Amino acid sequence: MTQQPPQQPYPGQPGQPYPQQPYPAPPKKRKKWPWILLALVVVILALAGGCVAIVGTAVDSVDKQSKSTTTITYQVTGDGSKASITYTASDSNISQDTAASLPWSKDVTLTGFVKVASLTATNDFEADASSTIKCEVVVNGKVKFTNTAKGPGASASCSGSID
């Protein structure tokens, strides 16, 4: 009789010459939250940087406007020899020149965001009935505001924003 090699049992059967190896452990999943956190931090930093740039530009613009100056000339003319004059001075305070000789002129430098000129000229109370008084606010060589009044004690007012 011929000898036959020993029969191998089916896999998973006892007496298997080579035991089946266990499956390798699956690779560890990488956590996603550190990447999400990093992306969130980058977005927040980008937004903050953009805000700082915008605010910085706005602050520079406001600073330049607040320091900008404009020189204006107040002028008062009239038929009489004297007038009482009230005007906005360079420090935004009201100044007055009573019994000013005509013609009268004053250069004033205005500073800040809103530059408002105000000039009121009042005719002398001893002026005759036909006596006129005229006020003018001149900006960059051009008359911006003008007004004329007639009679004793009459007032001519010129005022407004020069921007």
Protein backbone atom coordinates (compact mmCIF):
# COMPACT_ATOMS: atom_id res chain seq x y z
CA MET A 1 0.00 0.00 0.00
CA THR A 2 1.15 3.43 -0.69
CA GLN A 3 1.35 5.83 2.03
CA GLN A 4 -0.55 8.99 1.77
CA PRO A 5 0.52 12.11 3.46
CA PRO A 6 -1.44 12.96 6.54
CA GLN A 7 -4.61 14.86 5.83
CA GLN A 8 -4.66 18.45 6.87
CA PRO A 9 -7.72 19.51 8.79
CA TYR A 10 -9.80 22.39 7.47
CA PRO A 11 -8.90 25.83 8.71
CA GLY A 12 -10.19 26.54 12.14
CA GLN A 13 -10.23 22.84 12.94
CA PRO A 14 -8.18 21.62 15.83
CA GLY A 15 -4.83 20.20 15.02
CA GLN A 16 -4.01 22.81 12.44
CA PRO A 17 -0.27 22.84 11.85
CA TYR A 18 -0.07 26.66 11.53
CA PRO A 19 -2.41 28.64 13.73
CA GLN A 20 -4.17 31.58 12.08
CA GLN A 21 -2.57 34.92 12.95
CA PRO A 22 -4.80 37.59 14.53
CA TYR A 23 -5.71 40.61 12.43
CA PRO A 24 -3.40 43.57 13.02
CA ALA A 25 -4.80 46.40 15.14
CA PRO A 26 -6.38 49.15 13.01
CA PRO A 27 -4.29 52.33 12.79
CA LYS A 28 -5.15 54.94 15.40
CA LYS A 29 -7.51 57.58 14.08
CA ARG A 30 -6.02 61.05 14.21
CA LYS A 31 -8.04 63.45 16.23
CA LYS A 32 -9.69 66.20 14.19
CA TRP A 33 -10.27 68.74 16.94
CA PRO A 34 -6.67 70.09 17.02
CA TRP A 35 -6.93 70.93 13.31
CA ILE A 36 -10.35 72.51 13.75
CA LEU A 37 -9.05 74.54 16.69
CA LEU A 38 -6.02 75.65 14.69
CA ALA A 39 -8.22 76.73 11.75
CA LEU A 40 -10.49 78.66 14.13
CA VAL A 41 -7.53 80.45 15.72
CA VAL A 42 -6.15 81.37 12.28
CA VAL A 43 -9.54 82.79 11.20
CA ILE A 44 -9.88 84.79 14.42
CA LEU A 45 -6.36 86.19 14.07
CA ALA A 46 -7.00 87.14 10.44
CA LEU A 47 -10.22 88.94 11.38
CA ALA A 48 -8.54 90.71 14.28
CA GLY A 49 -5.67 91.79 12.03
CA GLY A 50 -8.12 93.14 9.47
CA CYS A 51 -9.98 95.09 12.15
CA VAL A 52 -6.74 96.56 13.49
CA ALA A 53 -5.76 97.65 9.98
CA ILE A 54 -9.14 99.28 9.35
CA VAL A 55 -9.21 101.02 12.73
CA GLY A 56 -5.60 102.17 12.28
CA THR A 57 -6.44 103.70 8.90
CA ALA A 58 -9.52 105.41 10.33
CA VAL A 59 -7.54 106.79 13.27
CA ASP A 60 -4.91 108.21 10.90
CA SER A 61 -7.62 109.85 8.79
CA VAL A 62 -9.35 111.33 11.83
CA ASP A 63 -6.02 112.56 13.19
CA LYS A 64 -5.18 114.30 9.91
CA GLN A 65 -8.62 115.92 9.71
CA SER A 66 -8.49 117.09 13.31
CA LYS A 67 -5.15 118.80 12.67
CA SER A 68 -6.04 120.32 9.30
CA THR A 69 -6.15 124.10 9.20
CA THR A 70 -7.78 126.69 6.98
CA THR A 71 -7.03 130.39 7.04
CA ILE A 72 -9.96 132.70 6.43
CA THR A 73 -10.27 136.46 6.24
CA TYR A 74 -13.08 138.39 7.87
CA GLN A 75 -13.79 141.73 6.19
CA VAL A 76 -16.14 144.54 7.17
CA THR A 77 -16.72 147.65 5.06
CA GLY A 78 -19.28 150.40 5.24
CA ASP A 79 -20.20 154.06 4.82
CA GLY A 80 -19.69 154.82 8.49
CA SER A 81 -16.40 155.21 10.29
CA LYS A 82 -16.97 152.75 13.17
CA ALA A 83 -18.69 149.42 13.84
CA SER A 84 -18.96 146.80 16.53
CA ILE A 85 -17.65 143.46 15.24
CA THR A 86 -18.06 139.97 16.71
CA TYR A 87 -16.36 136.94 15.14
CA THR A 88 -15.24 133.36 15.76
CA ALA A 89 -11.53 133.36 16.55
CA SER A 90 -8.96 130.65 15.82
CA ASP A 91 -9.54 128.91 19.15
CA SER A 92 -13.30 128.69 18.38
CA ASN A 93 -13.99 131.35 20.99
CA ILE A 94 -16.01 134.44 20.26
CA SER A 95 -13.97 137.62 19.95
CA GLN A 96 -15.25 141.16 19.81
CA ASP A 97 -13.84 144.41 18.51
CA THR A 98 -16.01 147.32 19.65
CA ALA A 99 -15.62 150.69 17.97
CA ALA A 100 -13.55 149.18 15.15
CA SER A 101 -12.50 151.56 12.39
CA LEU A 102 -13.79 150.74 8.91
CA PRO A 103 -12.68 149.14 6.70
CA TRP A 104 -11.76 146.29 9.07
CA SER A 105 -10.05 142.97 8.26
CA LYS A 106 -8.85 140.01 10.32
CA ASP A 107 -7.09 136.76 9.27
CA VAL A 108 -8.03 133.74 11.39
CA THR A 109 -6.77 130.15 11.16
CA LEU A 110 -9.42 127.55 11.96
CA THR A 111 -8.45 124.01 13.01
CA GLY A 112 -10.44 120.80 13.43
CA PHE A 113 -13.12 118.68 11.83
CA VAL A 114 -15.82 121.28 11.54
CA LYS A 115 -14.63 124.71 10.60
CA VAL A 116 -17.33 127.30 11.13
CA ALA A 117 -16.89 130.97 10.40
CA SER A 118 -19.09 133.53 12.08
CA LEU A 119 -18.93 137.31 11.65
CA THR A 120 -21.43 139.94 12.74
CA ALA A 121 -20.90 143.64 12.08
CA THR A 122 -23.17 146.23 13.66
CA ASN A 123 -23.36 149.76 12.30
CA ASP A 124 -22.61 152.62 14.68
CA PHE A 125 -25.79 153.91 16.34
CA GLU A 126 -24.83 157.45 15.35
CA ALA A 127 -24.69 156.53 11.65
CA ASP A 128 -27.20 158.18 9.32
CA ALA A 129 -30.23 156.32 7.98
CA SER A 130 -28.64 155.56 4.60
CA SER A 131 -25.37 154.22 6.06
CA THR A 132 -24.61 150.61 5.02
CA ILE A 133 -22.40 147.97 6.57
CA LYS A 134 -21.17 144.86 4.77
CA CYS A 135 -19.54 141.68 6.08
CA GLU A 136 -17.61 139.08 4.08
CA VAL A 137 -15.95 135.77 4.90
CA VAL A 138 -13.17 135.06 2.39
CA VAL A 139 -11.77 131.51 2.00
CA ASN A 140 -8.87 130.82 -0.38
CA GLY A 141 -9.32 134.19 -2.03
CA LYS A 142 -13.04 133.66 -2.72
CA VAL A 143 -15.95 135.26 -0.89
CA LYS A 144 -17.78 132.40 0.83
CA PHE A 145 -20.40 134.42 2.75
CA THR A 146 -21.54 138.02 2.42
CA ASN A 147 -24.33 140.19 3.82
CA THR A 148 -25.24 143.87 3.88
CA ALA A 149 -27.38 145.91 6.30
CA LYS A 150 -28.53 149.55 6.21
CA GLY A 151 -29.20 152.11 8.91
CA PRO A 152 -28.00 153.06 12.40
CA GLY A 153 -27.46 149.99 14.62
CA ALA A 154 -28.14 147.62 11.68
CA SER A 155 -26.30 144.28 11.79
CA ALA A 156 -24.93 142.23 8.91
CA SER A 157 -24.15 138.60 9.74
CA CYS A 158 -22.08 136.12 7.74
CA SER A 159 -21.70 132.59 9.03
CA GLY A 160 -21.52 128.96 8.01
CA SER A 161 -19.29 125.96 7.52
CA ILE A 162 -16.26 126.67 5.34
CA ASP A 163 -15.64 123.04 4.36
